Amino acid sequence: MQQKVLAPAAITYNALVSACEKGMELGRAVERFDTMQQQSLAPDVLTLNALVIACEKGTTPLQALKLFNTMQH
């Protein structure tokens, strides 16, 4: 039997980044975001919003501002 490998979609990463944000796991949220980009999946507004919130809750408000500014382009 042939086995198929399914790649996660952007919505999967949105859920992961959001879960990390809610769990106060900023490092993991950024790792998931980086993995998403490495797999050539473009982040959408939901992804970036969850990441901005994670950065804002963490100790990286400048990173949150930088991400927010990329959303405006």
Protein backbone atom coordinates (compact mmCIF):
# COMPACT_ATOMS: atom_id res chain seq x y z
CA MET A 1 0.00 0.00 0.00
CA GLN A 2 1.28 3.47 -0.85
CA GLN A 3 1.61 5.95 1.97
CA LYS A 4 0.82 9.63 1.38
CA VAL A 5 2.41 12.45 3.30
CA LEU A 6 0.24 15.46 3.93
CA ALA A 7 1.87 18.82 4.42
CA PRO A 8 0.30 21.16 6.95
CA ALA A 9 -1.63 24.10 5.51
CA ALA A 10 -1.49 27.71 6.65
CA ILE A 11 -4.53 27.16 8.87
CA THR A 12 -2.62 24.47 10.77
CA TYR A 13 0.19 26.90 11.50
CA ASN A 14 -2.32 29.58 12.47
CA ALA A 15 -3.69 27.22 15.11
CA LEU A 16 -0.21 26.30 16.33
CA VAL A 17 1.00 29.90 16.60
CA SER A 18 -2.24 30.87 18.34
CA ALA A 19 -1.94 27.98 20.81
CA CYS A 20 1.65 28.96 21.60
CA GLU A 21 0.55 32.57 22.11
CA LYS A 22 -2.20 31.51 24.52
CA GLY A 23 0.25 29.27 26.38
CA MET A 24 2.77 32.14 26.68
CA GLU A 25 5.30 30.16 24.60
CA LEU A 26 6.77 33.00 22.52
CA GLY A 27 9.82 30.99 21.43
CA ARG A 28 7.67 28.17 20.13
CA ALA A 29 5.33 30.60 18.35
CA VAL A 30 8.29 32.11 16.50
CA GLU A 31 9.64 28.62 15.70
CA ARG A 32 6.30 27.62 14.16
CA PHE A 33 6.23 30.86 12.19
CA ASP A 34 9.76 30.20 10.89
CA THR A 35 8.85 26.62 9.95
CA MET A 36 5.81 27.89 8.10
CA GLN A 37 7.96 30.22 6.03
CA GLN A 38 10.56 27.50 5.38
CA GLN A 39 7.77 25.40 3.88
CA SER A 40 6.91 28.30 1.54
CA LEU A 41 3.58 28.96 3.23
CA ALA A 42 2.76 32.64 3.33
CA PRO A 43 1.53 33.87 6.70
CA ASP A 44 -1.87 35.52 6.61
CA VAL A 45 -3.41 38.14 8.86
CA LEU A 46 -4.41 35.50 11.44
CA THR A 47 -0.87 34.16 11.67
CA LEU A 48 0.68 37.59 12.03
CA ASN A 49 -1.97 38.71 14.52
CA ALA A 50 -1.31 35.72 16.80
CA LEU A 51 2.44 36.34 16.55
CA VAL A 52 2.06 40.06 17.34
CA ILE A 53 -0.04 39.20 20.39
CA ALA A 54 2.56 36.63 21.50
CA CYS A 55 5.34 39.19 21.17
CA GLU A 56 3.27 41.80 22.99
CA LYS A 57 2.62 39.40 25.87
CA GLY A 58 6.28 38.45 25.96
CA THR A 59 9.22 40.73 26.42
CA THR A 60 9.64 41.69 22.78
CA PRO A 61 7.40 44.68 22.04
CA LEU A 62 9.80 45.89 19.33
CA GLN A 63 9.43 42.59 17.49
CA ALA A 64 5.66 42.96 17.78
CA LEU A 65 5.89 46.44 16.26
CA LYS A 66 8.09 45.16 13.43
CA LEU A 67 5.58 42.39 12.63
CA PHE A 68 2.71 44.85 12.80
CA ASN A 69 4.47 47.10 10.30
CA THR A 70 4.92 44.18 7.87
CA MET A 71 1.16 43.61 8.00
CA GLN A 72 0.55 47.07 6.58
CA HIS A 73 2.42 46.34 3.33
